[in-house]
C-alpha atoms as a PDB file:
ATOM      1  CA  MET A   1     -18.657 -21.031  96.628  1.00  0.00           C
ATOM      2  CA  LEU A   2     -19.583 -18.131  94.439  1.00  0.00           C
ATOM      3  CA  ILE A   3     -22.410 -20.377  93.171  1.00  0.00           C
ATOM      4  CA  ALA A   4     -23.998 -21.080  96.147  1.00  0.00           C
ATOM      5  CA  VAL A   5     -23.577 -17.422  97.454  1.00  0.00           C
ATOM      6  CA  ALA A   6     -25.686 -16.745  93.903  1.00  0.00           C
ATOM      7  CA  HIS A   7     -28.171 -19.586  94.826  1.00  0.00           C
ATOM      8  CA  ALA A   8     -29.208 -18.284  98.317  1.00  0.00           C
ATOM      9  CA  ALA A   9     -29.308 -14.740  97.073  1.00  0.00           C
ATOM     10  CA  ALA A  10     -31.620 -16.127  94.584  1.00  0.00           C
ATOM     11  CA  GLU A  11     -33.941 -18.055  96.959  1.00  0.00           C
ATOM     12  CA  ALA A  12     -33.767 -14.996  99.560  1.00  0.00           C
ATOM     13  CA  GLY A  13     -35.143 -12.821  96.460  1.00  0.00           C
ATOM     14  CA  ASN A  14     -37.025 -15.206  94.338  1.00  0.00           C
ATOM     15  CA  ALA A  15     -34.679 -14.061  91.352  1.00  0.00           C
ATOM     16  CA  GLU A  16     -32.617 -15.966  89.038  1.00  0.00           C
ATOM     17  CA  PRO A  17     -28.803 -16.409  89.946  1.00  0.00           C
ATOM     18  CA  PHE A  18     -26.709 -13.806  87.333  1.00  0.00           C
ATOM     19  CA  TYR A  19     -25.711 -16.342  85.087  1.00  0.00           C
ATOM     20  CA  ALA A  20     -28.762 -17.648  84.606  1.00  0.00           C
ATOM     21  CA  GLY A  21     -29.772 -14.350  82.621  1.00  0.00           C
ATOM     22  CA  THR A  22     -29.194 -13.671  78.636  1.00  0.00           C
ATOM     23  CA  SER A  23     -27.790 -10.463  79.562  1.00  0.00           C
ATOM     24  CA  PHE A  24     -24.959 -12.270  81.603  1.00  0.00           C
ATOM     25  CA  TRP A  25     -24.801 -14.759  78.492  1.00  0.00           C
ATOM     26  CA  VAL A  26     -24.537 -11.794  75.824  1.00  0.00           C
ATOM     27  CA  ALA A  27     -21.820 -10.171  77.857  1.00  0.00           C
ATOM     28  CA  ALA A  28     -19.796 -12.703  78.520  1.00  0.00           C
ATOM     29  CA  SER A  29     -20.043 -13.629  74.668  1.00  0.00           C
ATOM     30  CA  VAL A  30     -19.113 -10.104  73.826  1.00  0.00           C
ATOM     31  CA  VAL A  31     -15.988 -10.158  75.809  1.00  0.00           C
ATOM     32  CA  THR A  32     -15.106 -13.661  74.476  1.00  0.00           C
ATOM     33  CA  PHE A  33     -15.285 -12.304  70.969  1.00  0.00           C
ATOM     34  CA  LEU A  34     -13.114  -9.077  71.400  1.00  0.00           C
ATOM     35  CA  ALA A  35     -10.287 -10.983  73.032  1.00  0.00           C
ATOM     36  CA  LEU A  36     -10.949 -13.729  70.594  1.00  0.00           C
ATOM     37  CA  LEU A  37     -10.429 -10.949  67.748  1.00  0.00           C
ATOM     38  CA  ILE A  38      -7.042  -9.302  69.601  1.00  0.00           C
ATOM     39  CA  TYR A  39      -5.405 -12.942  69.925  1.00  0.00           C
ATOM     40  CA  LEU A  40      -5.903 -13.325  66.445  1.00  0.00           C
ATOM     41  CA  GLY A  41      -4.256  -9.888  65.655  1.00  0.00           C
ATOM     42  CA  VAL A  42      -7.343  -8.394  63.771  1.00  0.00           C
ATOM     43  CA  HIS A  43      -6.678  -5.128  64.993  1.00  0.00           C
ATOM     44  CA  LYS A  44      -3.157  -5.535  63.307  1.00  0.00           C
ATOM     45  CA  THR A  45      -4.535  -6.429  59.905  1.00  0.00           C
ATOM     46  CA  ILE A  46      -6.964  -3.446  59.895  1.00  0.00           C
ATOM     47  CA  LEU A  47      -4.261  -1.023  60.659  1.00  0.00           C
ATOM     48  CA  GLY A  48      -1.997  -2.207  57.814  1.00  0.00           C
ATOM     49  CA  SER A  49      -4.894  -2.021  55.441  1.00  0.00           C
ATOM     50  CA  LEU A  50      -5.319   1.790  56.507  1.00  0.00           C
ATOM     51  CA  ASP A  51      -1.291   2.050  56.451  1.00  0.00           C
ATOM     52  CA  ALA A  52      -1.576   0.550  52.629  1.00  0.00           C
ATOM     53  CA  ARG A  53      -4.483   2.781  51.536  1.00  0.00           C
ATOM     54  CA  SER A  54      -3.081   5.932  53.159  1.00  0.00           C
ATOM     55  CA  ALA A  55      -0.085   5.302  51.330  1.00  0.00           C
ATOM     56  CA  GLN A  56      -1.764   4.806  47.581  1.00  0.00           C
ATOM     57  CA  ILE A  57      -3.673   8.408  48.197  1.00  0.00           C
ATOM     58  CA  GLU A  58       0.005   9.406  49.235  1.00  0.00           C
ATOM     59  CA  SER A  59       1.191   8.937  45.778  1.00  0.00           C
ATOM     60  CA  GLU A  60      -1.892   9.658  43.747  1.00  0.00           C
ATOM     61  CA  LEU A  61      -1.147  13.220  45.495  1.00  0.00           C
ATOM     62  CA  ASP A  62       2.407  12.955  44.585  1.00  0.00           C
ATOM     63  CA  GLU A  63       1.400  12.087  41.210  1.00  0.00           C
ATOM     64  CA  ALA A  64      -1.240  14.235  40.535  1.00  0.00           C
ATOM     65  CA  ARG A  65       1.103  17.194  41.961  1.00  0.00           C
ATOM     66  CA  LYS A  66       4.074  16.464  38.829  1.00  0.00           C
ATOM     67  CA  LEU A  67       0.903  16.337  36.711  1.00  0.00           C
ATOM     68  CA  LYS A  68       0.190  19.762  37.651  1.00  0.00           C
ATOM     69  CA  GLU A  69       3.925  20.833  37.644  1.00  0.00           C
ATOM     70  CA  GLU A  70       4.405  19.180  34.608  1.00  0.00           C
ATOM     71  CA  ALA A  71       0.838  21.586  32.985  1.00  0.00           C
ATOM     72  CA  GLN A  72       2.534  24.398  34.313  1.00  0.00           C
ATOM     73  CA  SER A  73       6.035  23.959  32.814  1.00  0.00           C
ATOM     74  CA  LEU A  74       4.403  23.256  29.693  1.00  0.00           C
ATOM     75  CA  LEU A  75       1.844  26.646  29.711  1.00  0.00           C
ATOM     76  CA  ALA A  76       4.862  28.519  30.809  1.00  0.00           C
ATOM     77  CA  GLN A  77       6.977  27.408  27.735  1.00  0.00           C
ATOM     78  CA  ARG A  78       3.838  28.143  25.381  1.00  0.00           C
ATOM     79  CA  GLN A  79       3.399  31.717  27.086  1.00  0.00           C
ATOM     80  CA  ARG A  80       7.284  32.175  26.006  1.00  0.00           C
ATOM     81  CA  ARG A  81       6.856  31.068  22.840  1.00  0.00           C
ATOM     82  CA  GLN A  82       3.365  33.147  22.328  1.00  0.00           C
ATOM     83  CA  ARG A  83       5.870  36.222  23.802  1.00  0.00           C
ATOM     84  CA  GLU A  84       8.344  35.201  21.575  1.00  0.00           C
ATOM     85  CA  ALA A  85       6.371  35.488  18.742  1.00  0.00           C
ATOM     86  CA  ALA A  86       4.958  38.731  19.526  1.00  0.00           C
ATOM     87  CA  LYS A  87       7.928  40.273  19.454  1.00  0.00           C
ATOM     88  CA  GLU A  88       8.833  38.750  16.519  1.00  0.00           C
ATOM     89  CA  ALA A  89       5.289  40.241  14.868  1.00  0.00           C
ATOM     90  CA  GLN A  90       6.934  43.521  16.096  1.00  0.00           C
ATOM     91  CA  ASP A  91       9.751  43.419  14.790  1.00  0.00           C
ATOM     92  CA  ILE A  92       8.314  42.322  11.568  1.00  0.00           C
ATOM     93  CA  LEU A  93       6.102  45.219  11.701  1.00  0.00           C
ATOM     94  CA  ALA A  94       8.907  47.751  12.828  1.00  0.00           C
ATOM     95  CA  HIS A  95      10.967  46.007   9.758  1.00  0.00           C
ATOM     96  CA  ALA A  96       7.920  46.676   7.313  1.00  0.00           C
ATOM     97  CA  GLN A  97       7.820  50.032   8.546  1.00  0.00           C
ATOM     98  CA  GLU A  98      11.242  51.096   7.608  1.00  0.00           C
ATOM     99  CA  GLU A  99      11.150  49.462   4.592  1.00  0.00           C
ATOM    100  CA  ALA A 100       8.025  51.197   3.657  1.00  0.00           C
ATOM    101  CA  ALA A 101       9.556  54.661   4.770  1.00  0.00           C
ATOM    102  CA  ALA A 102      12.706  53.674   2.624  1.00  0.00           C
ATOM    103  CA  ILE A 103      10.521  52.655  -0.312  1.00  0.00           C
ATOM    104  CA  LYS A 104       8.179  55.974  -0.006  1.00  0.00           C
ATOM    105  CA  ALA A 105      11.621  58.163  -0.461  1.00  0.00           C
ATOM    106  CA  GLU A 106      12.414  56.250  -3.693  1.00  0.00           C
ATOM    107  CA  VAL A 107       8.882  56.454  -4.931  1.00  0.00           C
ATOM    108  CA  SER A 108       6.116  58.683  -4.727  1.00  0.00           C
ATOM    109  CA  GLY A 109       3.845  57.448  -6.370  1.00  0.00           C
ATOM    110  CA  SER A 110       3.014  53.912  -5.865  1.00  0.00           C
ATOM    111  CA  ILE A 111       4.400  53.780  -2.598  1.00  0.00           C
ATOM    112  CA  ASP A 112       0.826  54.232  -1.237  1.00  0.00           C
ATOM    113  CA  ALA A 113      -0.346  50.591  -2.481  1.00  0.00           C
ATOM    114  CA  MET A 114       2.751  48.859  -1.698  1.00  0.00           C
ATOM    115  CA  VAL A 115       3.250  50.041   1.938  1.00  0.00           C
ATOM    116  CA  GLU A 116      -0.622  49.646   2.690  1.00  0.00           C
ATOM    117  CA  ARG A 117      -0.261  45.915   0.847  1.00  0.00           C
ATOM    118  CA  ARG A 118       3.171  44.944   2.986  1.00  0.00           C
ATOM    119  CA  THR A 119       1.717  46.266   6.056  1.00  0.00           C
ATOM    120  CA  ARG A 120      -1.497  44.237   5.626  1.00  0.00           C
ATOM    121  CA  LEU A 121       0.688  41.767   5.303  1.00  0.00           C
ATOM    122  CA  ALA A 122       2.925  41.824   8.343  1.00  0.00           C
ATOM    123  CA  GLU A 123      -0.539  42.072  10.014  1.00  0.00           C
ATOM    124  CA  GLU A 124      -1.578  39.233   8.891  1.00  0.00           C
ATOM    125  CA  ARG A 125       1.330  37.454   9.775  1.00  0.00           C
ATOM    126  CA  ILE A 126       0.767  38.606  13.285  1.00  0.00           C
ATOM    127  CA  LYS A 127      -2.581  37.384  13.401  1.00  0.00           C
ATOM    128  CA  ALA A 128      -1.571  33.971  12.192  1.00  0.00           C
ATOM    129  CA  ALA A 129       1.463  33.887  14.493  1.00  0.00           C
ATOM    130  CA  GLU A 130      -0.612  34.895  17.835  1.00  0.00           C
ATOM    131  CA  SER A 131      -3.766  32.382  16.846  1.00  0.00           C
ATOM    132  CA  ALA A 132      -1.151  29.790  16.207  1.00  0.00           C
ATOM    133  CA  ALA A 133       0.275  30.357  19.717  1.00  0.00           C
ATOM    134  CA  VAL A 134      -3.057  30.515  21.435  1.00  0.00           C
ATOM    135  CA  LYS A 135      -4.350  27.552  19.656  1.00  0.00           C
ATOM    136  CA  ASP A 136      -1.248  25.556  20.732  1.00  0.00           C
ATOM    137  CA  VAL A 137      -1.429  26.691  24.446  1.00  0.00           C
ATOM    138  CA  ARG A 138      -5.072  26.064  24.808  1.00  0.00           C
ATOM    139  CA  GLN A 139      -4.668  22.238  22.987  1.00  0.00           C
ATOM    140  CA  VAL A 140      -1.823  21.575  25.455  1.00  0.00           C
ATOM    141  CA  ALA A 141      -3.569  22.889  28.425  1.00  0.00           C
ATOM    142  CA  VAL A 142      -6.720  21.060  27.362  1.00  0.00           C
ATOM    143  CA  GLU A 143      -4.560  17.725  26.464  1.00  0.00           C
ATOM    144  CA  ILE A 144      -2.689  17.929  29.767  1.00  0.00           C
ATOM    145  CA  ALA A 145      -6.202  18.631  32.268  1.00  0.00           C
ATOM    146  CA  THR A 146      -7.785  15.733  30.132  1.00  0.00           C
ATOM    147  CA  ARG A 147      -5.182  13.348  30.862  1.00  0.00           C
ATOM    148  CA  ALA A 148      -4.937  14.500  34.595  1.00  0.00           C
ATOM    149  CA  ALA A 149      -8.771  14.132  34.853  1.00  0.00           C
ATOM    150  CA  GLN A 150      -8.576  10.535  33.169  1.00  0.00           C
ATOM    151  CA  HIS A 151      -6.043   9.065  35.052  1.00  0.00           C
ATOM    152  CA  VAL A 152      -7.479  10.643  38.162  1.00  0.00           C
ATOM    153  CA  ILE A 153     -11.088   9.870  37.837  1.00  0.00           C
ATOM    154  CA  ALA A 154      -9.799   6.277  36.520  1.00  0.00           C
ATOM    155  CA  ASP A 155      -7.379   5.405  39.447  1.00  0.00           C
ATOM    156  CA  HIS A 156     -10.241   6.517  42.022  1.00  0.00           C
ATOM    157  CA  LEU A 157     -13.362   4.900  40.132  1.00  0.00           C
ATOM    158  CA  ALA A 158     -11.273   1.621  38.768  1.00  0.00           C
ATOM    159  CA  LYS A 159     -12.896  -0.457  41.484  1.00  0.00           C
ATOM    160  CA  ASP A 160     -16.665   1.027  41.289  1.00  0.00           C
ATOM    161  CA  PRO A 161     -19.512  -1.574  39.876  1.00  0.00           C
ATOM    162  CA  GLN A 162     -20.325   1.521  36.963  1.00  0.00           C
ATOM    163  CA  ALA A 163     -16.536   1.336  35.855  1.00  0.00           C
ATOM    164  CA  ALA A 164     -17.348   0.779  32.402  1.00  0.00           C
ATOM    165  CA  ASP A 165     -19.662   3.702  32.127  1.00  0.00           C
ATOM    166  CA  ILE A 166     -17.384   6.134  33.649  1.00  0.00           C
ATOM    167  CA  ASP A 167     -14.594   4.312  31.691  1.00  0.00           C
ATOM    168  CA  ALA A 168     -16.673   5.634  28.346  1.00  0.00           C
ATOM    169  CA  SER A 169     -17.237   8.692  29.717  1.00  0.00           C
ATOM    170  CA  ILE A 170     -13.760   9.403  30.059  1.00  0.00           C
ATOM    171  CA  GLU A 171     -12.787   8.185  26.648  1.00  0.00           C
ATOM    172  CA  ASN A 172     -15.101  10.255  25.299  1.00  0.00           C
ATOM    173  CA  LEU A 173     -14.371  13.388  27.384  1.00  0.00           C
ATOM    174  CA  ASP A 174     -11.415  14.379  24.884  1.00  0.00           C
ATOM    175  CA  PHE A 175     -13.956  14.788  21.777  1.00  0.00           C
ATOM    176  CA  LYS A 176     -16.490  17.105  23.974  1.00  0.00           C
ATOM    177  CA  LEU A 177     -14.074  19.425  25.368  1.00  0.00           C
ATOM    178  CA  HIS A 178     -13.240  20.465  21.324  1.00  0.00           C
END
């Protein structure tokens, strides 16, 4: 009956019936295609893939947080060692000054040369201890930052077509930072 009405309308207006045009068939094809995708569960597959990617990103963020906490812990430990070295240096200097005062009381002629020599030795020890502590802190910070950068960059760019070039750059990163 619907077809008969469509033919009657087409004859009255000298137009084609609605199902004879390409617009109808394109719309019908799109609706059929979307219904087929829903029936086959493609939307569930896409959502599952998005959930998996979200979980992967979350685990990478957690790992980056752990690396950051580890770096902060190591930095705090190195700073504590540096403070201890500075305190030790101050103690050494104080002890050297006390010894110098005692020796000055005993011997007046050669005391100036001896005090200067011991003070210089103490200051050299202090400078050596401070520079070693600073060097250790910097080296650990660079190593941790390099390791974290290598790991994060490698994880994010492992599937890139230029991964070989990027991996080579990451391998050389440690040498370029020193």
